[in-house]
PDB file of N, CA and C in Angstrom:
ATOM      1  N   MET A   1       8.172  28.037   6.355  1.00  0.00           N
ATOM      2  CA  MET A   1       6.962  27.269   6.152  1.00  0.00           C
ATOM      3  C   MET A   1       6.724  26.380   7.362  1.00  0.00           C
ATOM      4  N   LYS A   2       5.491  26.343   7.835  1.00  0.00           N
ATOM      5  CA  LYS A   2       5.143  25.517   8.983  1.00  0.00           C
ATOM      6  C   LYS A   2       5.138  24.044   8.595  1.00  0.00           C
ATOM      7  N   THR A   3       5.623  23.195   9.480  1.00  0.00           N
ATOM      8  CA  THR A   3       5.613  21.761   9.212  1.00  0.00           C
ATOM      9  C   THR A   3       4.635  21.025  10.108  1.00  0.00           C
ATOM     10  N   VAL A   4       4.107  21.687  11.113  1.00  0.00           N
ATOM     11  CA  VAL A   4       3.153  21.061  12.020  1.00  0.00           C
ATOM     12  C   VAL A   4       1.770  21.635  11.747  1.00  0.00           C
ATOM     13  N   SER A   5       0.792  20.758  11.613  1.00  0.00           N
ATOM     14  CA  SER A   5      -0.566  21.197  11.324  1.00  0.00           C
ATOM     15  C   SER A   5      -1.232  21.760  12.567  1.00  0.00           C
ATOM     16  N   GLU A   6      -2.059  22.770  12.366  1.00  0.00           N
ATOM     17  CA  GLU A   6      -2.854  23.318  13.454  1.00  0.00           C
ATOM     18  C   GLU A   6      -4.092  22.462  13.701  1.00  0.00           C
ATOM     19  N   PHE A   7      -4.346  21.491  12.825  1.00  0.00           N
ATOM     20  CA  PHE A   7      -5.496  20.610  12.934  1.00  0.00           C
ATOM     21  C   PHE A   7      -5.038  19.272  13.483  1.00  0.00           C
ATOM     22  N   HIS A   8      -5.882  18.640  14.282  1.00  0.00           N
ATOM     23  CA  HIS A   8      -5.528  17.362  14.890  1.00  0.00           C
ATOM     24  C   HIS A   8      -6.695  16.392  14.794  1.00  0.00           C
ATOM     25  N   SER A   9      -6.379  15.107  14.711  1.00  0.00           N
ATOM     26  CA  SER A   9      -7.398  14.072  14.697  1.00  0.00           C
ATOM     27  C   SER A   9      -8.003  13.934  16.084  1.00  0.00           C
ATOM     28  N   LEU A  10      -9.319  13.803  16.164  1.00  0.00           N
ATOM     29  CA  LEU A  10      -9.983  13.668  17.451  1.00  0.00           C
ATOM     30  C   LEU A  10      -9.959  12.239  17.972  1.00  0.00           C
ATOM     31  N   ASN A  11      -9.857  11.259  17.077  1.00  0.00           N
ATOM     32  CA  ASN A  11      -9.881   9.866  17.485  1.00  0.00           C
ATOM     33  C   ASN A  11      -8.600   9.179  17.018  1.00  0.00           C
ATOM     34  N   ALA A  12      -7.595   9.154  17.871  1.00  0.00           N
ATOM     35  CA  ALA A  12      -6.299   8.592  17.511  1.00  0.00           C
ATOM     36  C   ALA A  12      -6.327   7.069  17.413  1.00  0.00           C
ATOM     37  N   SER A  13      -7.374   6.423  17.880  1.00  0.00           N
ATOM     38  CA  SER A  13      -7.425   4.960  17.874  1.00  0.00           C
ATOM     39  C   SER A  13      -8.008   4.386  16.576  1.00  0.00           C
ATOM     40  N   THR A  14      -8.444   5.222  15.649  1.00  0.00           N
ATOM     41  CA  THR A  14      -9.002   4.765  14.378  1.00  0.00           C
ATOM     42  C   THR A  14      -7.903   4.148  13.521  1.00  0.00           C
ATOM     43  N   ALA A  15      -8.216   3.026  12.856  1.00  0.00           N
ATOM     44  CA  ALA A  15      -7.255   2.362  11.981  1.00  0.00           C
ATOM     45  C   ALA A  15      -6.856   3.284  10.831  1.00  0.00           C
ATOM     46  N   LEU A  16      -5.574   3.259  10.496  1.00  0.00           N
ATOM     47  CA  LEU A  16      -5.072   4.071   9.392  1.00  0.00           C
ATOM     48  C   LEU A  16      -5.043   3.240   8.118  1.00  0.00           C
ATOM     49  N   VAL A  17      -5.351   3.883   6.996  1.00  0.00           N
ATOM     50  CA  VAL A  17      -5.273   3.244   5.685  1.00  0.00           C
ATOM     51  C   VAL A  17      -4.412   4.119   4.774  1.00  0.00           C
ATOM     52  N   SER A  18      -3.814   3.493   3.786  1.00  0.00           N
ATOM     53  CA  SER A  18      -2.960   4.233   2.848  1.00  0.00           C
ATOM     54  C   SER A  18      -3.792   4.806   1.712  1.00  0.00           C
ATOM     55  N   VAL A  19      -3.537   6.069   1.411  1.00  0.00           N
ATOM     56  CA  VAL A  19      -4.115   6.742   0.247  1.00  0.00           C
ATOM     57  C   VAL A  19      -2.961   7.439  -0.461  1.00  0.00           C
ATOM     58  N   TRP A  20      -3.194   7.848  -1.688  1.00  0.00           N
ATOM     59  CA  TRP A  20      -2.182   8.566  -2.454  1.00  0.00           C
ATOM     60  C   TRP A  20      -2.697   9.959  -2.739  1.00  0.00           C
ATOM     61  N   TYR A  21      -1.931  10.973  -2.366  1.00  0.00           N
ATOM     62  CA  TYR A  21      -2.300  12.364  -2.622  1.00  0.00           C
ATOM     63  C   TYR A  21      -1.200  13.012  -3.445  1.00  0.00           C
ATOM     64  N   ARG A  22      -1.519  13.380  -4.673  1.00  0.00           N
ATOM     65  CA  ARG A  22      -0.551  13.978  -5.601  1.00  0.00           C
ATOM     66  C   ARG A  22       0.719  13.134  -5.686  1.00  0.00           C
ATOM     67  N   GLY A  23       0.545  11.819  -5.716  1.00  0.00           N
ATOM     68  CA  GLY A  23       1.671  10.908  -5.855  1.00  0.00           C
ATOM     69  C   GLY A  23       2.386  10.591  -4.558  1.00  0.00           C
ATOM     70  N   ARG A  24       1.922  11.135  -3.467  1.00  0.00           N
ATOM     71  CA  ARG A  24       2.571  10.920  -2.163  1.00  0.00           C
ATOM     72  C   ARG A  24       1.683  10.023  -1.297  1.00  0.00           C
ATOM     73  N   ARG A  25       2.284   9.000  -0.725  1.00  0.00           N
ATOM     74  CA  ARG A  25       1.515   8.097   0.143  1.00  0.00           C
ATOM     75  C   ARG A  25       1.271   8.749   1.496  1.00  0.00           C
ATOM     76  N   LEU A  26       0.010   8.679   1.933  1.00  0.00           N
ATOM     77  CA  LEU A  26      -0.373   9.188   3.248  1.00  0.00           C
ATOM     78  C   LEU A  26      -1.138   8.105   3.982  1.00  0.00           C
ATOM     79  N   ASP A  27      -0.972   8.025   5.291  1.00  0.00           N
ATOM     80  CA  ASP A  27      -1.766   7.134   6.119  1.00  0.00           C
ATOM     81  C   ASP A  27      -2.779   7.980   6.865  1.00  0.00           C
ATOM     82  N   LEU A  28      -4.057   7.778   6.535  1.00  0.00           N
ATOM     83  CA  LEU A  28      -5.140   8.582   7.094  1.00  0.00           C
ATOM     84  C   LEU A  28      -6.133   7.681   7.824  1.00  0.00           C
ATOM     85  N   PRO A  29      -6.883   8.233   8.779  1.00  0.00           N
ATOM     86  CA  PRO A  29      -7.868   7.433   9.511  1.00  0.00           C
ATOM     87  C   PRO A  29      -9.017   6.975   8.614  1.00  0.00           C
ATOM     88  N   GLU A  30      -9.235   5.677   8.580  1.00  0.00           N
ATOM     89  CA  GLU A  30     -10.315   5.129   7.766  1.00  0.00           C
ATOM     90  C   GLU A  30     -11.669   5.670   8.224  1.00  0.00           C
ATOM     91  N   GLY A  31     -12.488   6.092   7.269  1.00  0.00           N
ATOM     92  CA  GLY A  31     -13.821   6.605   7.569  1.00  0.00           C
ATOM     93  C   GLY A  31     -13.870   8.065   7.962  1.00  0.00           C
ATOM     94  N   ALA A  32     -12.704   8.692   8.111  1.00  0.00           N
ATOM     95  CA  ALA A  32     -12.663  10.114   8.478  1.00  0.00           C
ATOM     96  C   ALA A  32     -13.083  10.968   7.289  1.00  0.00           C
ATOM     97  N   ASN A  33     -13.517  12.176   7.556  1.00  0.00           N
ATOM     98  CA  ASN A  33     -13.801  13.135   6.503  1.00  0.00           C
ATOM     99  C   ASN A  33     -12.494  13.405   5.764  1.00  0.00           C
ATOM    100  N   LEU A  34     -12.490  13.275   4.448  1.00  0.00           N
ATOM    101  CA  LEU A  34     -11.259  13.400   3.676  1.00  0.00           C
ATOM    102  C   LEU A  34     -10.608  14.771   3.819  1.00  0.00           C
ATOM    103  N   ALA A  35     -11.387  15.830   3.723  1.00  0.00           N
ATOM    104  CA  ALA A  35     -10.820  17.178   3.852  1.00  0.00           C
ATOM    105  C   ALA A  35     -10.197  17.372   5.230  1.00  0.00           C
ATOM    106  N   ALA A  36     -10.878  16.939   6.282  1.00  0.00           N
ATOM    107  CA  ALA A  36     -10.360  17.088   7.644  1.00  0.00           C
ATOM    108  C   ALA A  36      -9.093  16.262   7.843  1.00  0.00           C
ATOM    109  N   ALA A  37      -9.066  15.060   7.282  1.00  0.00           N
ATOM    110  CA  ALA A  37      -7.887  14.205   7.420  1.00  0.00           C
ATOM    111  C   ALA A  37      -6.683  14.812   6.709  1.00  0.00           C
ATOM    112  N   LEU A  38      -6.895  15.392   5.530  1.00  0.00           N
ATOM    113  CA  LEU A  38      -5.792  16.040   4.818  1.00  0.00           C
ATOM    114  C   LEU A  38      -5.300  17.266   5.586  1.00  0.00           C
ATOM    115  N   LEU A  39      -6.214  18.033   6.141  1.00  0.00           N
ATOM    116  CA  LEU A  39      -5.812  19.181   6.968  1.00  0.00           C
ATOM    117  C   LEU A  39      -4.989  18.720   8.170  1.00  0.00           C
ATOM    118  N   ALA A  40      -5.380  17.603   8.790  1.00  0.00           N
ATOM    119  CA  ALA A  40      -4.699  17.108   9.989  1.00  0.00           C
ATOM    120  C   ALA A  40      -3.263  16.679   9.709  1.00  0.00           C
ATOM    121  N   VAL A  41      -2.960  16.282   8.465  1.00  0.00           N
ATOM    122  CA  VAL A  41      -1.577  15.914   8.135  1.00  0.00           C
ATOM    123  C   VAL A  41      -0.811  17.077   7.515  1.00  0.00           C
ATOM    124  N   GLY A  42      -1.407  18.272   7.530  1.00  0.00           N
ATOM    125  CA  GLY A  42      -0.682  19.470   7.108  1.00  0.00           C
ATOM    126  C   GLY A  42      -0.921  19.935   5.692  1.00  0.00           C
ATOM    127  N   ILE A  43      -1.840  19.299   4.968  1.00  0.00           N
ATOM    128  CA  ILE A  43      -2.139  19.726   3.598  1.00  0.00           C
ATOM    129  C   ILE A  43      -3.268  20.746   3.667  1.00  0.00           C
ATOM    130  N   THR A  44      -2.952  21.996   3.335  1.00  0.00           N
ATOM    131  CA  THR A  44      -3.945  23.062   3.426  1.00  0.00           C
ATOM    132  C   THR A  44      -4.379  23.596   2.071  1.00  0.00           C
ATOM    133  N   SER A  45      -3.598  23.356   1.030  1.00  0.00           N
ATOM    134  CA  SER A  45      -3.945  23.803  -0.309  1.00  0.00           C
ATOM    135  C   SER A  45      -4.319  22.579  -1.138  1.00  0.00           C
ATOM    136  N   PHE A  46      -5.576  22.489  -1.550  1.00  0.00           N
ATOM    137  CA  PHE A  46      -6.056  21.336  -2.311  1.00  0.00           C
ATOM    138  C   PHE A  46      -6.034  21.589  -3.810  1.00  0.00           C
ATOM    139  N   ARG A  47      -6.121  22.846  -4.202  1.00  0.00           N
ATOM    140  CA  ARG A  47      -6.147  23.199  -5.622  1.00  0.00           C
ATOM    141  C   ARG A  47      -5.695  24.635  -5.773  1.00  0.00           C
ATOM    142  N   GLU A  48      -5.542  25.059  -7.026  1.00  0.00           N
ATOM    143  CA  GLU A  48      -5.206  26.449  -7.334  1.00  0.00           C
ATOM    144  C   GLU A  48      -6.304  27.001  -8.237  1.00  0.00           C
ATOM    145  N   THR A  49      -6.577  28.298  -8.100  1.00  0.00           N
ATOM    146  CA  THR A  49      -7.593  28.898  -8.965  1.00  0.00           C
ATOM    147  C   THR A  49      -7.076  28.944 -10.399  1.00  0.00           C
ATOM    148  N   PRO A  50      -7.956  28.757 -11.388  1.00  0.00           N
ATOM    149  CA  PRO A  50      -7.515  28.713 -12.781  1.00  0.00           C
ATOM    150  C   PRO A  50      -6.924  30.030 -13.285  1.00  0.00           C
ATOM    151  N   VAL A  51      -7.409  31.162 -12.819  1.00  0.00           N
ATOM    152  CA  VAL A  51      -6.963  32.449 -13.359  1.00  0.00           C
ATOM    153  C   VAL A  51      -5.672  32.924 -12.705  1.00  0.00           C
ATOM    154  N   SER A  52      -5.654  33.032 -11.384  1.00  0.00           N
ATOM    155  CA  SER A  52      -4.486  33.603 -10.705  1.00  0.00           C
ATOM    156  C   SER A  52      -3.525  32.565 -10.133  1.00  0.00           C
ATOM    157  N   GLY A  53      -3.967  31.323 -10.021  1.00  0.00           N
ATOM    158  CA  GLY A  53      -3.121  30.300  -9.416  1.00  0.00           C
ATOM    159  C   GLY A  53      -3.083  30.370  -7.898  1.00  0.00           C
ATOM    160  N   ALA A  54      -3.978  31.147  -7.296  1.00  0.00           N
ATOM    161  CA  ALA A  54      -4.019  31.278  -5.842  1.00  0.00           C
ATOM    162  C   ALA A  54      -4.433  29.952  -5.209  1.00  0.00           C
ATOM    163  N   PRO A  55      -3.794  29.573  -4.097  1.00  0.00           N
ATOM    164  CA  PRO A  55      -4.139  28.304  -3.444  1.00  0.00           C
ATOM    165  C   PRO A  55      -5.518  28.347  -2.802  1.00  0.00           C
ATOM    166  N   ARG A  56      -6.198  27.210  -2.835  1.00  0.00           N
ATOM    167  CA  ARG A  56      -7.510  27.077  -2.221  1.00  0.00           C
ATOM    168  C   ARG A  56      -7.541  25.794  -1.402  1.00  0.00           C
ATOM    169  N   GLY A  57      -8.245  25.847  -0.284  1.00  0.00           N
ATOM    170  CA  GLY A  57      -8.423  24.686   0.579  1.00  0.00           C
ATOM    171  C   GLY A  57      -9.794  24.733   1.194  1.00  0.00           C
ATOM    172  N   PRO A  58     -10.113  23.763   2.047  1.00  0.00           N
ATOM    173  CA  PRO A  58     -11.438  23.716   2.657  1.00  0.00           C
ATOM    174  C   PRO A  58     -11.797  25.020   3.353  1.00  0.00           C
ATOM    175  N   TYR A  59     -13.023  25.443   3.138  1.00  0.00           N
ATOM    176  CA  TYR A  59     -13.504  26.676   3.756  1.00  0.00           C
ATOM    177  C   TYR A  59     -14.768  26.408   4.574  1.00  0.00           C
ATOM    178  N   CYS A  60     -15.787  25.887   3.935  1.00  0.00           N
ATOM    179  CA  CYS A  60     -17.073  25.728   4.640  1.00  0.00           C
ATOM    180  C   CYS A  60     -17.218  24.360   5.298  1.00  0.00           C
ATOM    181  N   MET A  61     -16.554  23.335   4.774  1.00  0.00           N
ATOM    182  CA  MET A  61     -16.608  21.954   5.273  1.00  0.00           C
ATOM    183  C   MET A  61     -18.020  21.364   5.245  1.00  0.00           C
ATOM    184  N   MET A  62     -18.887  21.906   4.376  1.00  0.00           N
ATOM    185  CA  MET A  62     -20.238  21.341   4.255  1.00  0.00           C
ATOM    186  C   MET A  62     -20.724  21.286   2.810  1.00  0.00           C
ATOM    187  N   GLY A  63     -19.809  21.429   1.857  1.00  0.00           N
ATOM    188  CA  GLY A  63     -20.169  21.249   0.466  1.00  0.00           C
ATOM    189  C   GLY A  63     -20.765  22.441  -0.253  1.00  0.00           C
ATOM    190  N   ALA A  64     -20.713  23.621   0.347  1.00  0.00           N
ATOM    191  CA  ALA A  64     -21.318  24.795  -0.279  1.00  0.00           C
ATOM    192  C   ALA A  64     -20.336  25.630  -1.103  1.00  0.00           C
ATOM    193  N   CYS A  65     -19.053  25.616  -0.761  1.00  0.00           N
ATOM    194  CA  CYS A  65     -18.131  26.584  -1.365  1.00  0.00           C
ATOM    195  C   CYS A  65     -17.279  26.048  -2.519  1.00  0.00           C
ATOM    196  N   PHE A  66     -17.052  24.763  -2.628  1.00  0.00           N
ATOM    197  CA  PHE A  66     -16.278  24.145  -3.703  1.00  0.00           C
ATOM    198  C   PHE A  66     -14.785  24.496  -3.671  1.00  0.00           C
ATOM    199  N   ASP A  67     -14.261  24.989  -2.566  1.00  0.00           N
ATOM    200  CA  ASP A  67     -12.830  25.297  -2.495  1.00  0.00           C
ATOM    201  C   ASP A  67     -11.971  24.065  -2.252  1.00  0.00           C
ATOM    202  N   CYS A  68     -12.568  22.950  -1.857  1.00  0.00           N
ATOM    203  CA  CYS A  68     -11.798  21.739  -1.551  1.00  0.00           C
ATOM    204  C   CYS A  68     -11.847  20.719  -2.689  1.00  0.00           C
ATOM    205  N   LEU A  69     -12.056  21.177  -3.919  1.00  0.00           N
ATOM    206  CA  LEU A  69     -12.164  20.255  -5.042  1.00  0.00           C
ATOM    207  C   LEU A  69     -10.877  19.472  -5.258  1.00  0.00           C
ATOM    208  N   VAL A  70     -11.014  18.164  -5.474  1.00  0.00           N
ATOM    209  CA  VAL A  70      -9.918  17.266  -5.808  1.00  0.00           C
ATOM    210  C   VAL A  70     -10.420  16.335  -6.904  1.00  0.00           C
ATOM    211  N   THR A  71      -9.522  15.604  -7.522  1.00  0.00           N
ATOM    212  CA  THR A  71      -9.897  14.616  -8.523  1.00  0.00           C
ATOM    213  C   THR A  71      -9.631  13.230  -7.954  1.00  0.00           C
ATOM    214  N   ILE A  72     -10.640  12.360  -7.993  1.00  0.00           N
ATOM    215  CA  ILE A  72     -10.506  10.977  -7.542  1.00  0.00           C
ATOM    216  C   ILE A  72     -11.029  10.082  -8.653  1.00  0.00           C
ATOM    217  N   GLU A  73     -10.155   9.209  -9.149  1.00  0.00           N
ATOM    218  CA  GLU A  73     -10.508   8.305 -10.244  1.00  0.00           C
ATOM    219  C   GLU A  73     -11.092   9.059 -11.433  1.00  0.00           C
ATOM    220  N   GLY A  74     -10.509  10.209 -11.748  1.00  0.00           N
ATOM    221  CA  GLY A  74     -10.920  10.994 -12.904  1.00  0.00           C
ATOM    222  C   GLY A  74     -12.158  11.842 -12.701  1.00  0.00           C
ATOM    223  N   VAL A  75     -12.722  11.820 -11.491  1.00  0.00           N
ATOM    224  CA  VAL A  75     -13.947  12.573 -11.217  1.00  0.00           C
ATOM    225  C   VAL A  75     -13.644  13.691 -10.223  1.00  0.00           C
ATOM    226  N   THR A  76     -14.072  14.903 -10.544  1.00  0.00           N
ATOM    227  CA  THR A  76     -13.893  16.036  -9.635  1.00  0.00           C
ATOM    228  C   THR A  76     -14.912  15.927  -8.513  1.00  0.00           C
ATOM    229  N   ARG A  77     -14.403  15.979  -7.284  1.00  0.00           N
ATOM    230  CA  ARG A  77     -15.255  15.812  -6.108  1.00  0.00           C
ATOM    231  C   ARG A  77     -14.881  16.842  -5.050  1.00  0.00           C
ATOM    232  N   GLN A  78     -15.779  17.056  -4.106  1.00  0.00           N
ATOM    233  CA  GLN A  78     -15.505  17.905  -2.954  1.00  0.00           C
ATOM    234  C   GLN A  78     -14.955  17.016  -1.835  1.00  0.00           C
ATOM    235  N   ALA A  79     -13.747  17.294  -1.391  1.00  0.00           N
ATOM    236  CA  ALA A  79     -13.104  16.474  -0.361  1.00  0.00           C
ATOM    237  C   ALA A  79     -13.895  16.481   0.943  1.00  0.00           C
ATOM    238  N   CYS A  80     -14.575  17.571   1.230  1.00  0.00           N
ATOM    239  CA  CYS A  80     -15.331  17.663   2.490  1.00  0.00           C
ATOM    240  C   CYS A  80     -16.565  16.777   2.500  1.00  0.00           C
ATOM    241  N   MET A  81     -16.933  16.226   1.344  1.00  0.00           N
ATOM    242  CA  MET A  81     -18.124  15.394   1.254  1.00  0.00           C
ATOM    243  C   MET A  81     -17.770  13.910   1.105  1.00  0.00           C
ATOM    244  N   LEU A  82     -16.497  13.569   1.311  1.00  0.00           N
ATOM    245  CA  LEU A  82     -16.027  12.198   1.131  1.00  0.00           C
ATOM    246  C   LEU A  82     -15.430  11.635   2.406  1.00  0.00           C
ATOM    247  N   GLU A  83     -15.438  10.307   2.508  1.00  0.00           N
ATOM    248  CA  GLU A  83     -14.778   9.617   3.616  1.00  0.00           C
ATOM    249  C   GLU A  83     -13.505   8.967   3.113  1.00  0.00           C
ATOM    250  N   VAL A  84     -12.519   8.869   3.989  1.00  0.00           N
ATOM    251  CA  VAL A  84     -11.260   8.203   3.666  1.00  0.00           C
ATOM    252  C   VAL A  84     -11.512   6.707   3.541  1.00  0.00           C
ATOM    253  N   SER A  85     -11.009   6.116   2.471  1.00  0.00           N
ATOM    254  CA  SER A  85     -11.038   4.664   2.303  1.00  0.00           C
ATOM    255  C   SER A  85      -9.709   4.227   1.699  1.00  0.00           C
ATOM    256  N   ALA A  86      -9.335   3.009   1.955  1.00  0.00           N
ATOM    257  CA  ALA A  86      -8.041   2.487   1.514  1.00  0.00           C
ATOM    258  C   ALA A  86      -7.894   2.591   0.003  1.00  0.00           C
ATOM    259  N   GLY A  87      -6.714   3.020  -0.433  1.00  0.00           N
ATOM    260  CA  GLY A  87      -6.386   3.030  -1.842  1.00  0.00           C
ATOM    261  C   GLY A  87      -6.853   4.227  -2.644  1.00  0.00           C
ATOM    262  N   LEU A  88      -7.473   5.211  -2.019  1.00  0.00           N
ATOM    263  CA  LEU A  88      -7.891   6.403  -2.758  1.00  0.00           C
ATOM    264  C   LEU A  88      -6.696   7.005  -3.480  1.00  0.00           C
ATOM    265  N   ARG A  89      -6.907   7.433  -4.704  1.00  0.00           N
ATOM    266  CA  ARG A  89      -5.880   8.142  -5.467  1.00  0.00           C
ATOM    267  C   ARG A  89      -6.423   9.541  -5.714  1.00  0.00           C
ATOM    268  N   ILE A  90      -5.858  10.489  -4.988  1.00  0.00           N
ATOM    269  CA  ILE A  90      -6.353  11.856  -4.963  1.00  0.00           C
ATOM    270  C   ILE A  90      -5.363  12.746  -5.685  1.00  0.00           C
ATOM    271  N   SER A  91      -5.853  13.583  -6.577  1.00  0.00           N
ATOM    272  CA  SER A  91      -4.980  14.531  -7.262  1.00  0.00           C
ATOM    273  C   SER A  91      -5.660  15.884  -7.315  1.00  0.00           C
ATOM    274  N   SER A  92      -4.886  16.876  -7.737  1.00  0.00           N
ATOM    275  CA  SER A  92      -5.449  18.213  -7.870  1.00  0.00           C
ATOM    276  C   SER A  92      -6.114  18.332  -9.231  1.00  0.00           C
ATOM    277  N   LEU A  93      -6.854  19.398  -9.427  1.00  0.00           N
ATOM    278  CA  LEU A  93      -7.502  19.615 -10.721  1.00  0.00           C
ATOM    279  C   LEU A  93      -6.471  19.843 -11.813  1.00  0.00           C
ATOM    280  N   ALA A  94      -5.323  20.420 -11.460  1.00  0.00           N
ATOM    281  CA  ALA A  94      -4.277  20.694 -12.438  1.00  0.00           C
ATOM    282  C   ALA A  94      -3.482  19.443 -12.793  1.00  0.00           C
ATOM    283  N   ASP A  95      -3.513  18.427 -11.923  1.00  0.00           N
ATOM    284  CA  ASP A  95      -2.743  17.200 -12.115  1.00  0.00           C
ATOM    285  C   ASP A  95      -3.679  16.002 -11.986  1.00  0.00           C
ATOM    286  N   PRO A  96      -4.590  15.794 -12.953  1.00  0.00           N
ATOM    287  CA  PRO A  96      -5.606  14.759 -12.826  1.00  0.00           C
ATOM    288  C   PRO A  96      -5.056  13.345 -12.750  1.00  0.00           C
ATOM    289  N   GLN A  97      -3.815  13.133 -13.175  1.00  0.00           N
ATOM    290  CA  GLN A  97      -3.228  11.803 -13.094  1.00  0.00           C
ATOM    291  C   GLN A  97      -2.649  11.504 -11.717  1.00  0.00           C
ATOM    292  N   GLY A  98      -2.500  12.519 -10.880  1.00  0.00           N
ATOM    293  CA  GLY A  98      -2.017  12.296  -9.512  1.00  0.00           C
ATOM    294  C   GLY A  98      -0.522  12.147  -9.383  1.00  0.00           C
ATOM    295  N   GLY A  99       0.223  12.416 -10.442  1.00  0.00           N
ATOM    296  CA  GLY A  99       1.671  12.298 -10.348  1.00  0.00           C
ATOM    297  C   GLY A  99       2.098  10.844 -10.283  1.00  0.00           C
ATOM    298  N   GLN A 100       3.354  10.613  -9.994  1.00  0.00           N
ATOM    299  CA  GLN A 100       3.877   9.268  -9.875  1.00  0.00           C
ATOM    300  C   GLN A 100       3.732   8.769  -8.452  1.00  0.00           C
ATOM    301  N   ASP A 101       3.305   7.535  -8.297  1.00  0.00           N
ATOM    302  CA  ASP A 101       3.183   6.970  -6.968  1.00  0.00           C
ATOM    303  C   ASP A 101       4.558   6.696  -6.377  1.00  0.00           C
ATOM    304  N   ALA A 102       4.756   7.132  -5.149  1.00  0.00           N
ATOM    305  CA  ALA A 102       6.006   6.862  -4.457  1.00  0.00           C
ATOM    306  C   ALA A 102       5.959   5.442  -3.924  1.00  0.00           C
ATOM    307  N   LEU A 103       7.048   4.735  -4.060  1.00  0.00           N
ATOM    308  CA  LEU A 103       7.095   3.348  -3.556  1.00  0.00           C
ATOM    309  C   LEU A 103       7.774   3.288  -2.232  1.00  0.00           C
TER     310      LEU A 103
END
């Protein structure tokens, strides 16, 4: 399994904020596109399909395909249509509670 992302942040000087993704703390650039920021830290699978369990991640990056669906504060959203902000609690559709927060 690859541990280094093929995606990189274009602006390394942007302030980082803490968010929680599936119970794991991540430091992401504030104001960045959420889907792009998750890809840049190596997260490529955002959800699994309900029937086969196949992994899905961002595809179109413009809100047309719905492959980047995540749950934030109990609401299903498209990650590609959101900006990173401090304290986001992001979970998958299968784990709407987001797991346990790591301290």
